[in-house]
């Protein structure tokens, strides 16, 4: 069986690394990158700085436990096969929420919308590491938590734009495992809006212990 490296034109993967008291987790995003732009530690740091500013500007750190940190951005250029990951180098952004940490699988979902309909043209981000103070008495998000996530969601496309990228939803191509021929073509679709649709905490089972 052949090993089929993932490649796709105009595409870079940007994985957000979060450190938590239990185990780290990633929020994986994709973006459209100009042909003349190289994927370097400098680009990763530029994006990391823009994202930390978006988190801080939205007041989002107050919803995350003080033992959770937005630790780094790891980027991989998908325009050619087997290129190495490059990482940001700046300081982490720590949460400032109070109380115990919520279970590691508890997550807030941000929805990425494009101009097209269908599962291939929508994306989701599962943010975790929340503090008990982010949850209200009914188990839903506290109003302040929802407001911070709304502000963060609205700021994300501009954060990528400031780094010279366009936040996008990437539908991966499917390869024949024996020949690596493309069975179903992939697609990269620019994001036009990011939203936190409701105040209900969701579950990311892969993060549970």
N, C-alpha and C. Protein backbone atom coordinates (compact mmCIF):
# COMPACT_ATOMS: atom_id res chain seq x y z
N UNK A 1 0.84 -1.19 0.00
CA UNK A 1 0.00 0.00 0.00
C UNK A 1 0.89 1.25 0.00
N UNK A 2 0.60 2.17 -0.91
CA UNK A 2 1.42 3.36 -1.04
C UNK A 2 1.10 4.36 0.07
N UNK A 3 2.10 5.13 0.47
CA UNK A 3 1.89 6.24 1.39
C UNK A 3 1.61 7.48 0.56
N UNK A 4 0.47 8.08 0.76
CA UNK A 4 0.03 9.19 -0.08
C UNK A 4 0.16 10.51 0.67
N UNK A 5 1.21 11.28 0.43
CA UNK A 5 1.37 12.55 1.14
C UNK A 5 0.29 13.55 0.73
N UNK A 6 -0.22 14.26 1.70
CA UNK A 6 -1.26 15.25 1.44
C UNK A 6 -0.63 16.50 0.84
N UNK A 7 -1.08 16.89 -0.33
CA UNK A 7 -0.66 18.15 -0.95
C UNK A 7 -1.89 18.82 -1.53
N UNK A 8 -1.87 20.16 -1.50
CA UNK A 8 -2.98 20.90 -2.10
C UNK A 8 -2.51 22.32 -2.40
N UNK A 9 -2.90 22.80 -3.57
CA UNK A 9 -2.46 24.12 -4.02
C UNK A 9 -2.96 25.22 -3.08
N UNK A 10 -2.12 26.22 -2.87
CA UNK A 10 -2.49 27.46 -2.18
C UNK A 10 -2.89 27.26 -0.73
N UNK A 11 -2.47 26.15 -0.11
CA UNK A 11 -3.01 25.81 1.20
C UNK A 11 -1.91 25.67 2.25
N UNK A 12 -2.17 26.25 3.43
CA UNK A 12 -1.30 26.06 4.58
C UNK A 12 -2.17 25.62 5.76
N UNK A 13 -1.64 24.71 6.55
CA UNK A 13 -2.31 24.27 7.77
C UNK A 13 -1.73 25.04 8.95
N UNK A 14 -2.60 25.55 9.81
CA UNK A 14 -2.16 26.27 11.01
C UNK A 14 -2.85 25.62 12.21
N UNK A 15 -2.08 24.93 13.03
CA UNK A 15 -2.61 24.23 14.19
C UNK A 15 -2.31 25.04 15.45
N UNK A 16 -3.37 25.38 16.18
CA UNK A 16 -3.21 26.11 17.44
C UNK A 16 -2.95 25.09 18.55
N UNK A 17 -1.88 25.27 19.30
CA UNK A 17 -1.55 24.38 20.41
C UNK A 17 -2.00 25.01 21.73
N UNK A 18 -2.78 24.24 22.51
CA UNK A 18 -3.19 24.68 23.84
C UNK A 18 -2.59 23.73 24.87
N UNK A 19 -2.02 24.29 25.93
CA UNK A 19 -1.57 23.50 27.05
C UNK A 19 -2.63 23.53 28.14
N UNK A 20 -2.91 22.37 28.76
CA UNK A 20 -3.91 22.27 29.82
C UNK A 20 -3.33 21.45 30.97
N UNK A 21 -3.99 21.43 32.13
CA UNK A 21 -3.48 20.64 33.25
C UNK A 21 -3.45 19.14 32.96
N UNK A 22 -4.26 18.66 32.02
CA UNK A 22 -4.36 17.23 31.76
C UNK A 22 -3.45 16.83 30.60
N UNK A 23 -3.71 17.37 29.42
CA UNK A 23 -2.89 17.05 28.25
C UNK A 23 -3.11 18.15 27.21
N UNK A 24 -2.13 18.40 26.36
CA UNK A 24 -2.30 19.44 25.34
C UNK A 24 -3.28 18.99 24.26
N UNK A 25 -3.83 19.97 23.53
CA UNK A 25 -4.68 19.64 22.39
C UNK A 25 -4.46 20.68 21.31
N UNK A 26 -4.84 20.32 20.08
CA UNK A 26 -4.71 21.20 18.94
C UNK A 26 -6.08 21.59 18.41
N UNK A 27 -6.18 22.81 17.90
CA UNK A 27 -7.29 23.26 17.08
C UNK A 27 -6.70 23.49 15.69
N UNK A 28 -7.09 22.66 14.72
CA UNK A 28 -6.46 22.70 13.40
C UNK A 28 -7.29 23.56 12.45
N UNK A 29 -6.63 24.54 11.82
CA UNK A 29 -7.27 25.40 10.84
C UNK A 29 -6.47 25.35 9.54
N UNK A 30 -7.07 25.89 8.48
CA UNK A 30 -6.39 25.99 7.18
C UNK A 30 -6.59 27.38 6.62
N UNK A 31 -5.72 27.75 5.73
CA UNK A 31 -5.80 29.08 5.14
C UNK A 31 -5.28 29.06 3.72
N UNK A 32 -5.76 30.02 2.94
CA UNK A 32 -5.23 30.22 1.59
C UNK A 32 -4.01 31.13 1.70
N UNK A 33 -2.92 30.73 1.06
CA UNK A 33 -1.66 31.45 1.16
C UNK A 33 -1.21 31.90 -0.23
N UNK A 34 -0.76 33.14 -0.38
CA UNK A 34 -0.29 33.61 -1.69
C UNK A 34 0.93 32.81 -2.16
N UNK A 35 1.07 32.70 -3.46
CA UNK A 35 2.15 31.90 -4.03
C UNK A 35 3.53 32.39 -3.61
N UNK A 36 3.67 33.69 -3.43
CA UNK A 36 4.98 34.26 -3.10
C UNK A 36 5.31 34.20 -1.62
N UNK A 37 4.40 33.74 -0.79
CA UNK A 37 4.62 33.72 0.65
C UNK A 37 5.21 32.38 1.08
N UNK A 38 6.30 32.44 1.83
CA UNK A 38 6.93 31.24 2.36
C UNK A 38 6.41 30.96 3.76
N UNK A 39 6.32 29.69 4.10
CA UNK A 39 5.90 29.29 5.44
C UNK A 39 7.15 29.17 6.31
N UNK A 40 7.32 30.13 7.19
CA UNK A 40 8.52 30.25 8.01
C UNK A 40 8.14 30.47 9.46
N UNK A 41 9.09 30.33 10.40
CA UNK A 41 8.79 30.67 11.79
C UNK A 41 8.31 32.11 11.95
N UNK A 42 8.79 33.00 11.10
CA UNK A 42 8.33 34.39 11.17
C UNK A 42 6.85 34.50 10.85
N UNK A 43 6.38 33.77 9.83
CA UNK A 43 4.96 33.79 9.50
C UNK A 43 4.15 33.17 10.64
N UNK A 44 4.63 32.06 11.20
CA UNK A 44 3.93 31.42 12.31
C UNK A 44 3.82 32.37 13.50
N UNK A 45 4.88 33.10 13.77
CA UNK A 45 4.86 34.05 14.89
C UNK A 45 3.93 35.22 14.59
N UNK A 46 3.90 35.69 13.35
CA UNK A 46 2.99 36.77 12.97
C UNK A 46 1.54 36.36 13.19
N UNK A 47 1.20 35.14 12.78
CA UNK A 47 -0.17 34.66 12.97
C UNK A 47 -0.46 34.44 14.45
N UNK A 48 0.47 33.87 15.18
CA UNK A 48 0.29 33.63 16.61
C UNK A 48 0.03 34.94 17.34
N UNK A 49 0.81 35.97 17.02
CA UNK A 49 0.63 37.27 17.66
C UNK A 49 -0.75 37.84 17.34
N UNK A 50 -1.18 37.73 16.08
CA UNK A 50 -2.49 38.25 15.69
C UNK A 50 -3.60 37.50 16.41
N UNK A 51 -3.46 36.19 16.56
CA UNK A 51 -4.48 35.40 17.24
C UNK A 51 -4.51 35.70 18.73
N UNK A 52 -3.34 35.86 19.35
CA UNK A 52 -3.33 36.24 20.77
C UNK A 52 -3.99 37.59 20.97
N UNK A 53 -3.76 38.51 20.05
CA UNK A 53 -4.42 39.82 20.14
C UNK A 53 -5.93 39.68 20.02
N UNK A 54 -6.38 38.76 19.14
CA UNK A 54 -7.81 38.52 18.99
C UNK A 54 -8.41 37.94 20.27
N UNK A 55 -7.73 36.98 20.87
CA UNK A 55 -8.19 36.42 22.14
C UNK A 55 -8.25 37.49 23.22
N UNK A 56 -7.18 38.27 23.34
CA UNK A 56 -7.12 39.29 24.39
C UNK A 56 -8.14 40.39 24.15
N UNK A 57 -8.26 40.84 22.90
CA UNK A 57 -9.20 41.89 22.58
C UNK A 57 -10.64 41.50 22.84
N UNK A 58 -10.95 40.21 22.73
CA UNK A 58 -12.30 39.72 22.97
C UNK A 58 -12.57 39.44 24.45
N UNK A 59 -11.52 39.51 25.27
CA UNK A 59 -11.68 39.14 26.67
C UNK A 59 -11.78 37.65 26.90
N UNK A 60 -11.39 36.85 25.90
CA UNK A 60 -11.54 35.40 25.98
C UNK A 60 -10.69 34.74 27.06
N UNK A 61 -9.47 35.23 27.39
CA UNK A 61 -8.69 34.55 28.42
C UNK A 61 -9.42 34.40 29.75
N UNK A 62 -10.37 35.28 30.05
CA UNK A 62 -11.10 35.17 31.30
C UNK A 62 -12.00 33.96 31.38
N UNK A 63 -12.27 33.31 30.24
CA UNK A 63 -13.12 32.12 30.22
C UNK A 63 -12.32 30.83 30.38
N UNK A 64 -11.00 30.91 30.24
CA UNK A 64 -10.15 29.72 30.30
C UNK A 64 -9.46 29.67 31.65
N UNK A 65 -9.31 28.46 32.19
CA UNK A 65 -8.65 28.31 33.47
C UNK A 65 -7.22 28.85 33.41
N UNK A 66 -6.73 29.31 34.55
CA UNK A 66 -5.38 29.89 34.57
C UNK A 66 -4.29 28.86 34.43
N UNK A 67 -4.66 27.59 34.33
CA UNK A 67 -3.69 26.54 34.02
C UNK A 67 -3.77 26.11 32.56
N UNK A 68 -4.58 26.83 31.78
CA UNK A 68 -4.67 26.61 30.32
C UNK A 68 -3.95 27.75 29.62
N UNK A 69 -3.23 27.44 28.57
CA UNK A 69 -2.53 28.48 27.82
C UNK A 69 -2.63 28.22 26.32
N UNK A 70 -2.76 29.31 25.58
CA UNK A 70 -2.61 29.27 24.13
C UNK A 70 -1.12 29.33 23.89
N UNK A 71 -0.54 28.20 23.51
CA UNK A 71 0.91 28.02 23.63
C UNK A 71 1.70 28.31 22.36
N UNK A 72 1.12 28.04 21.17
CA UNK A 72 1.90 28.19 19.94
C UNK A 72 1.00 27.98 18.74
N UNK A 73 1.53 28.35 17.58
CA UNK A 73 0.94 28.01 16.29
C UNK A 73 1.97 27.20 15.51
N UNK A 74 1.57 26.02 15.05
CA UNK A 74 2.43 25.17 14.22
C UNK A 74 1.86 25.18 12.80
N UNK A 75 2.70 25.50 11.82
CA UNK A 75 2.25 25.63 10.45
C UNK A 75 2.94 24.62 9.54
N UNK A 76 2.16 24.08 8.60
CA UNK A 76 2.71 23.16 7.60
C UNK A 76 2.24 23.61 6.21
N UNK A 77 3.20 23.79 5.33
CA UNK A 77 2.91 24.15 3.95
C UNK A 77 2.45 22.90 3.21
N UNK A 78 1.22 22.94 2.68
CA UNK A 78 0.68 21.79 1.97
C UNK A 78 0.84 21.89 0.45
N UNK A 79 1.57 22.90 -0.02
CA UNK A 79 1.71 23.09 -1.46
C UNK A 79 2.68 22.11 -2.08
N UNK A 80 3.47 21.44 -1.26
CA UNK A 80 4.41 20.42 -1.74
C UNK A 80 4.43 19.31 -0.69
N UNK A 81 4.80 18.09 -1.08
CA UNK A 81 4.73 16.97 -0.13
C UNK A 81 5.84 17.00 0.92
N UNK A 82 5.48 16.54 2.13
CA UNK A 82 6.44 16.22 3.18
C UNK A 82 7.27 17.41 3.67
N UNK A 83 6.69 18.60 3.63
CA UNK A 83 7.40 19.75 4.17
C UNK A 83 7.28 19.77 5.69
N UNK A 84 8.33 20.26 6.34
CA UNK A 84 8.39 20.22 7.80
C UNK A 84 7.48 21.27 8.43
N UNK A 85 7.05 20.98 9.64
CA UNK A 85 6.27 21.94 10.43
C UNK A 85 7.19 23.04 10.93
N UNK A 86 6.71 24.28 10.90
CA UNK A 86 7.42 25.40 11.51
C UNK A 86 6.53 25.97 12.61
N UNK A 87 7.16 26.52 13.64
CA UNK A 87 6.41 26.92 14.82
C UNK A 87 6.70 28.35 15.22
N UNK A 88 5.72 28.95 15.91
CA UNK A 88 5.91 30.28 16.49
C UNK A 88 6.90 30.18 17.64
N UNK A 89 7.38 31.32 18.07
CA UNK A 89 8.42 31.34 19.10
C UNK A 89 8.07 32.25 20.28
N UNK A 90 6.94 32.94 20.22
CA UNK A 90 6.61 33.91 21.25
C UNK A 90 6.05 33.29 22.52
N UNK A 91 5.81 34.15 23.50
CA UNK A 91 5.32 33.72 24.80
C UNK A 91 3.88 33.24 24.72
N UNK A 92 3.52 32.34 25.62
CA UNK A 92 2.16 31.81 25.66
C UNK A 92 1.20 32.89 26.17
N UNK A 93 -0.09 32.68 25.88
CA UNK A 93 -1.15 33.51 26.43
C UNK A 93 -1.93 32.64 27.42
N UNK A 94 -1.85 32.98 28.71
CA UNK A 94 -2.48 32.16 29.74
C UNK A 94 -3.91 32.60 30.00
N UNK A 95 -4.76 31.64 30.36
CA UNK A 95 -6.10 31.95 30.79
C UNK A 95 -6.08 32.65 32.15
N UNK A 96 -7.15 33.33 32.45
CA UNK A 96 -7.24 34.06 33.72
C UNK A 96 -8.51 33.72 34.49
N UNK A 97 -9.25 32.68 34.03
CA UNK A 97 -10.49 32.29 34.69
C UNK A 97 -10.24 31.72 36.08
N UNK A 98 -11.29 31.69 36.89
CA UNK A 98 -11.18 31.23 38.27
C UNK A 98 -11.94 29.93 38.46
N UNK A 99 -11.63 29.27 39.57
CA UNK A 99 -12.28 28.01 39.87
C UNK A 99 -11.58 26.84 39.21
N UNK A 100 -12.15 25.67 39.41
CA UNK A 100 -11.57 24.46 38.85
C UNK A 100 -11.69 24.45 37.32
N UNK A 101 -10.86 23.63 36.69
CA UNK A 101 -10.99 23.42 35.25
C UNK A 101 -12.18 22.54 34.95
N UNK A 102 -12.93 22.86 33.90
CA UNK A 102 -13.99 21.97 33.45
C UNK A 102 -13.36 20.72 32.82
N UNK A 103 -14.08 19.61 32.73
CA UNK A 103 -13.51 18.39 32.14
C UNK A 103 -12.90 18.66 30.76
N UNK A 104 -11.86 17.90 30.44
CA UNK A 104 -11.07 18.19 29.24
C UNK A 104 -11.86 18.05 27.95
N UNK A 105 -12.95 17.26 27.98
CA UNK A 105 -13.73 17.09 26.75
C UNK A 105 -14.76 18.18 26.53
N UNK A 106 -14.97 19.05 27.51
CA UNK A 106 -15.92 20.16 27.37
C UNK A 106 -15.37 21.17 26.38
N UNK A 107 -16.17 21.56 25.41
CA UNK A 107 -15.69 22.44 24.34
C UNK A 107 -16.77 23.42 23.90
N UNK A 108 -16.32 24.57 23.45
CA UNK A 108 -17.19 25.54 22.77
C UNK A 108 -16.90 25.45 21.28
N UNK A 109 -17.95 25.39 20.48
CA UNK A 109 -17.79 25.21 19.04
C UNK A 109 -17.93 26.55 18.32
N UNK A 110 -16.95 26.85 17.48
CA UNK A 110 -17.05 27.98 16.56
C UNK A 110 -17.27 27.42 15.16
N UNK A 111 -18.25 27.96 14.46
CA UNK A 111 -18.60 27.49 13.12
C UNK A 111 -18.02 28.41 12.06
N UNK A 112 -17.36 27.82 11.07
CA UNK A 112 -16.78 28.58 9.96
C UNK A 112 -17.73 28.48 8.77
N UNK A 113 -18.18 29.62 8.28
CA UNK A 113 -19.11 29.66 7.17
C UNK A 113 -18.44 30.18 5.91
N UNK A 114 -18.85 29.62 4.79
CA UNK A 114 -18.39 30.07 3.48
C UNK A 114 -19.60 30.46 2.65
N UNK A 115 -19.37 30.78 1.39
CA UNK A 115 -20.50 31.14 0.52
C UNK A 115 -21.22 29.92 -0.02
N UNK A 116 -20.75 28.71 0.31
CA UNK A 116 -21.35 27.49 -0.21
C UNK A 116 -22.03 26.70 0.91
N UNK A 117 -23.01 25.89 0.53
CA UNK A 117 -23.73 25.05 1.48
C UNK A 117 -23.23 23.62 1.41
N UNK A 118 -23.40 22.88 2.50
CA UNK A 118 -23.00 21.49 2.52
C UNK A 118 -21.85 21.25 3.48
N UNK A 119 -21.70 20.00 3.93
CA UNK A 119 -20.69 19.66 4.92
C UNK A 119 -19.27 19.98 4.46
N UNK A 120 -19.02 19.85 3.18
CA UNK A 120 -17.66 20.09 2.67
C UNK A 120 -17.28 21.56 2.74
N UNK A 121 -18.24 22.42 2.96
CA UNK A 121 -17.99 23.86 2.89
C UNK A 121 -18.28 24.56 4.21
N UNK A 122 -18.32 23.77 5.30
CA UNK A 122 -18.42 24.33 6.64
C UNK A 122 -17.29 23.76 7.49
N UNK A 123 -16.86 24.54 8.45
CA UNK A 123 -15.82 24.06 9.35
C UNK A 123 -16.21 24.29 10.79
N UNK A 124 -15.51 23.62 11.70
CA UNK A 124 -15.74 23.79 13.12
C UNK A 124 -14.42 23.84 13.87
N UNK A 125 -14.38 24.66 14.90
CA UNK A 125 -13.27 24.70 15.84
C UNK A 125 -13.82 24.34 17.21
N UNK A 126 -13.15 23.43 17.90
CA UNK A 126 -13.56 23.03 19.25
C UNK A 126 -12.56 23.60 20.26
N UNK A 127 -12.94 24.68 20.92
CA UNK A 127 -12.09 25.29 21.92
C UNK A 127 -12.33 24.63 23.27
N UNK A 128 -11.27 24.37 24.02
CA UNK A 128 -11.39 23.73 25.33
C UNK A 128 -10.53 24.42 26.36
N UNK A 129 -10.46 23.81 27.55
CA UNK A 129 -9.65 24.37 28.62
C UNK A 129 -10.37 25.41 29.45
N UNK A 130 -11.69 25.32 29.53
CA UNK A 130 -12.47 26.35 30.21
C UNK A 130 -12.39 26.22 31.73
N UNK A 131 -12.57 27.36 32.37
CA UNK A 131 -12.65 27.41 33.82
C UNK A 131 -14.09 27.24 34.27
N UNK A 132 -14.25 26.80 35.53
CA UNK A 132 -15.59 26.66 36.09
C UNK A 132 -16.36 27.98 36.04
N UNK A 133 -15.65 29.08 36.14
CA UNK A 133 -16.29 30.40 36.11
C UNK A 133 -16.89 30.74 34.76
N UNK A 134 -16.58 29.97 33.71
CA UNK A 134 -17.15 30.21 32.38
C UNK A 134 -18.54 29.64 32.24
N UNK A 135 -18.94 28.79 33.21
CA UNK A 135 -20.21 28.09 33.14
C UNK A 135 -21.21 28.71 34.11
N UNK A 136 -22.45 28.88 33.64
CA UNK A 136 -23.50 29.41 34.49
C UNK A 136 -24.16 28.34 35.34
N UNK A 137 -25.14 28.69 36.17
CA UNK A 137 -25.77 27.74 37.09
C UNK A 137 -26.54 26.63 36.41
N UNK A 138 -26.94 26.80 35.14
CA UNK A 138 -27.67 25.76 34.42
C UNK A 138 -26.75 24.85 33.61
N UNK A 139 -25.45 25.11 33.63
CA UNK A 139 -24.51 24.33 32.84
C UNK A 139 -24.25 24.89 31.47
N UNK A 140 -24.98 25.94 31.09
CA UNK A 140 -24.68 26.63 29.84
C UNK A 140 -23.57 27.65 30.07
N UNK A 141 -23.09 28.21 28.97
CA UNK A 141 -22.07 29.25 29.10
C UNK A 141 -22.63 30.44 29.86
N UNK A 142 -21.79 31.02 30.70
CA UNK A 142 -22.13 32.29 31.31
C UNK A 142 -22.29 33.33 30.20
N UNK A 143 -23.15 34.31 30.40
CA UNK A 143 -23.38 35.32 29.36
C UNK A 143 -22.07 35.98 28.94
N UNK A 144 -21.19 36.26 29.90
CA UNK A 144 -19.92 36.90 29.58
C UNK A 144 -19.04 35.99 28.73
N UNK A 145 -19.12 34.69 28.95
CA UNK A 145 -18.36 33.73 28.14
C UNK A 145 -18.84 33.76 26.70
N UNK A 146 -20.16 33.71 26.53
CA UNK A 146 -20.72 33.74 25.18
C UNK A 146 -20.35 35.04 24.46
N UNK A 147 -20.42 36.15 25.17
CA UNK A 147 -20.06 37.43 24.56
C UNK A 147 -18.60 37.44 24.12
N UNK A 148 -17.70 36.91 24.96
CA UNK A 148 -16.28 36.86 24.60
C UNK A 148 -16.04 35.97 23.39
N UNK A 149 -16.73 34.83 23.33
CA UNK A 149 -16.57 33.92 22.18
C UNK A 149 -17.14 34.53 20.91
N UNK A 150 -18.24 35.27 21.02
CA UNK A 150 -18.78 35.98 19.86
C UNK A 150 -17.75 36.97 19.32
N UNK A 151 -17.13 37.72 20.22
CA UNK A 151 -16.14 38.71 19.80
C UNK A 151 -14.91 38.05 19.20
N UNK A 152 -14.48 36.95 19.82
CA UNK A 152 -13.33 36.22 19.28
C UNK A 152 -13.63 35.69 17.89
N UNK A 153 -14.80 35.07 17.72
CA UNK A 153 -15.17 34.51 16.42
C UNK A 153 -15.15 35.58 15.34
N UNK A 154 -15.71 36.74 15.65
CA UNK A 154 -15.77 37.83 14.67
C UNK A 154 -14.39 38.33 14.28
N UNK A 155 -13.42 38.21 15.21
CA UNK A 155 -12.07 38.74 14.98
C UNK A 155 -11.16 37.78 14.23
N UNK A 156 -11.52 36.51 14.13
CA UNK A 156 -10.58 35.52 13.58
C UNK A 156 -10.25 35.73 12.10
N UNK A 157 -11.22 35.99 11.21
CA UNK A 157 -10.84 36.21 9.81
C UNK A 157 -9.83 37.35 9.64
N UNK A 158 -10.03 38.43 10.38
CA UNK A 158 -9.11 39.56 10.27
C UNK A 158 -7.73 39.22 10.81
N UNK A 159 -7.66 38.35 11.82
CA UNK A 159 -6.36 37.94 12.35
C UNK A 159 -5.55 37.21 11.27
N UNK A 160 -6.20 36.35 10.51
CA UNK A 160 -5.51 35.65 9.42
C UNK A 160 -5.14 36.64 8.31
N UNK A 161 -6.05 37.55 8.01
CA UNK A 161 -5.76 38.55 6.96
C UNK A 161 -4.54 39.38 7.33
N UNK A 162 -4.40 39.72 8.60
CA UNK A 162 -3.26 40.53 9.02
C UNK A 162 -1.94 39.81 8.84
N UNK A 163 -1.99 38.48 8.76
CA UNK A 163 -0.78 37.69 8.50
C UNK A 163 -0.61 37.39 7.01
N UNK A 164 -1.46 38.00 6.18
CA UNK A 164 -1.36 37.79 4.74
C UNK A 164 -2.02 36.52 4.26
N UNK A 165 -2.94 35.96 5.05
CA UNK A 165 -3.61 34.71 4.73
C UNK A 165 -5.12 34.91 4.70
N UNK A 166 -5.84 33.97 4.09
CA UNK A 166 -7.29 33.96 4.14
C UNK A 166 -7.73 32.69 4.86
N UNK A 167 -8.39 32.83 5.99
CA UNK A 167 -8.94 31.67 6.69
C UNK A 167 -9.87 30.91 5.74
N UNK A 168 -9.76 29.58 5.72
CA UNK A 168 -10.50 28.80 4.73
C UNK A 168 -10.92 27.46 5.32
N UNK A 169 -11.91 26.85 4.69
CA UNK A 169 -12.33 25.48 5.00
C UNK A 169 -11.70 24.57 3.94
N UNK A 170 -10.98 23.56 4.40
CA UNK A 170 -10.27 22.65 3.50
C UNK A 170 -10.96 21.29 3.52
N UNK A 171 -11.50 20.90 2.38
CA UNK A 171 -12.02 19.55 2.18
C UNK A 171 -10.92 18.72 1.53
N UNK A 172 -10.41 17.76 2.24
CA UNK A 172 -9.24 17.02 1.78
C UNK A 172 -9.56 16.14 0.58
N UNK A 173 -8.63 16.00 -0.33
CA UNK A 173 -8.81 15.02 -1.41
C UNK A 173 -8.75 13.61 -0.85
N UNK A 174 -9.40 12.70 -1.51
CA UNK A 174 -9.34 11.29 -1.14
C UNK A 174 -8.52 10.56 -2.19
N UNK A 175 -7.55 9.77 -1.72
CA UNK A 175 -6.62 9.08 -2.61
C UNK A 175 -6.90 7.59 -2.65
N UNK A 176 -6.63 6.97 -3.79
CA UNK A 176 -6.59 5.52 -3.87
C UNK A 176 -5.38 5.04 -3.05
N UNK A 177 -5.58 4.18 -2.04
CA UNK A 177 -4.46 3.81 -1.16
C UNK A 177 -3.37 3.00 -1.85
N UNK A 178 -3.66 2.42 -3.01
CA UNK A 178 -2.66 1.62 -3.70
C UNK A 178 -1.85 2.43 -4.70
N UNK A 179 -2.51 3.38 -5.38
CA UNK A 179 -1.83 4.13 -6.44
C UNK A 179 -1.63 5.60 -6.12
N UNK A 180 -2.30 6.09 -5.07
CA UNK A 180 -2.30 7.51 -4.71
C UNK A 180 -2.98 8.40 -5.76
N UNK A 181 -3.71 7.79 -6.67
CA UNK A 181 -4.52 8.58 -7.60
C UNK A 181 -5.66 9.24 -6.82
N UNK A 182 -6.02 10.43 -7.22
CA UNK A 182 -7.09 11.16 -6.54
C UNK A 182 -8.44 10.55 -6.91
N UNK A 183 -9.16 10.07 -5.90
CA UNK A 183 -10.48 9.49 -6.10
C UNK A 183 -11.55 10.56 -6.02
N UNK A 184 -11.37 11.50 -5.09
CA UNK A 184 -12.28 12.63 -4.98
C UNK A 184 -11.44 13.89 -4.78
N UNK A 185 -11.68 14.89 -5.61
CA UNK A 185 -10.88 16.11 -5.55
C UNK A 185 -11.17 16.86 -4.25
N UNK A 186 -10.15 17.52 -3.73
CA UNK A 186 -10.32 18.38 -2.58
C UNK A 186 -10.77 19.77 -3.00
N UNK A 187 -11.03 20.59 -2.00
CA UNK A 187 -11.45 21.96 -2.30
C UNK A 187 -11.08 22.86 -1.13
N UNK A 188 -10.65 24.07 -1.45
CA UNK A 188 -10.32 25.08 -0.46
C UNK A 188 -11.29 26.24 -0.66
N UNK A 189 -12.08 26.57 0.37
CA UNK A 189 -13.13 27.57 0.25
C UNK A 189 -12.93 28.63 1.32
N UNK A 190 -12.83 29.88 0.91
CA UNK A 190 -12.58 30.96 1.85
C UNK A 190 -13.73 31.14 2.84
N UNK A 191 -13.38 31.42 4.08
CA UNK A 191 -14.35 31.67 5.13
C UNK A 191 -14.82 33.12 5.05
N UNK A 192 -16.12 33.32 5.17
CA UNK A 192 -16.67 34.68 5.17
C UNK A 192 -17.15 35.10 6.56
N UNK A 193 -17.34 34.12 7.47
CA UNK A 193 -17.83 34.45 8.80
C UNK A 193 -17.53 33.31 9.76
N UNK A 194 -17.16 33.67 10.99
CA UNK A 194 -17.01 32.69 12.07
C UNK A 194 -17.99 33.08 13.16
N UNK A 195 -18.75 32.12 13.66
CA UNK A 195 -19.77 32.42 14.68
C UNK A 195 -19.75 31.36 15.78
N UNK A 196 -20.15 31.77 16.96
CA UNK A 196 -20.47 30.86 18.06
C UNK A 196 -21.98 30.80 18.10
N UNK A 197 -22.56 29.72 17.62
CA UNK A 197 -23.99 29.69 17.30
C UNK A 197 -24.88 29.69 18.53
N UNK A 198 -24.42 29.16 19.67
CA UNK A 198 -25.28 29.11 20.84
C UNK A 198 -24.42 29.09 22.10
N UNK A 199 -25.07 29.05 23.25
CA UNK A 199 -24.36 29.09 24.53
C UNK A 199 -24.28 27.71 25.18
N UNK A 200 -24.37 26.66 24.37
CA UNK A 200 -24.32 25.29 24.88
C UNK A 200 -22.90 24.75 24.74
N UNK A 201 -22.34 24.22 25.82
CA UNK A 201 -21.06 23.55 25.74
C UNK A 201 -21.24 22.21 25.03
N UNK A 202 -20.31 21.90 24.13
CA UNK A 202 -20.33 20.63 23.41
C UNK A 202 -19.25 19.71 23.96
N UNK A 203 -19.09 18.57 23.28
CA UNK A 203 -18.13 17.56 23.74
C UNK A 203 -17.19 17.18 22.59
N UNK A 204 -15.90 17.17 22.88
CA UNK A 204 -14.90 16.65 21.96
C UNK A 204 -14.35 15.37 22.60
N UNK A 205 -14.90 14.23 22.20
CA UNK A 205 -14.62 12.98 22.91
C UNK A 205 -13.16 12.59 22.87
N UNK A 206 -12.45 12.97 21.83
CA UNK A 206 -11.05 12.57 21.73
C UNK A 206 -10.19 13.18 22.83
N UNK A 207 -10.70 14.21 23.50
CA UNK A 207 -9.94 14.83 24.59
C UNK A 207 -10.27 14.26 25.95
N UNK A 208 -11.24 13.36 26.02
CA UNK A 208 -11.62 12.80 27.32
C UNK A 208 -10.58 11.78 27.76
N UNK A 209 -10.50 11.57 29.07
CA UNK A 209 -9.50 10.65 29.61
C UNK A 209 -10.15 9.32 29.95
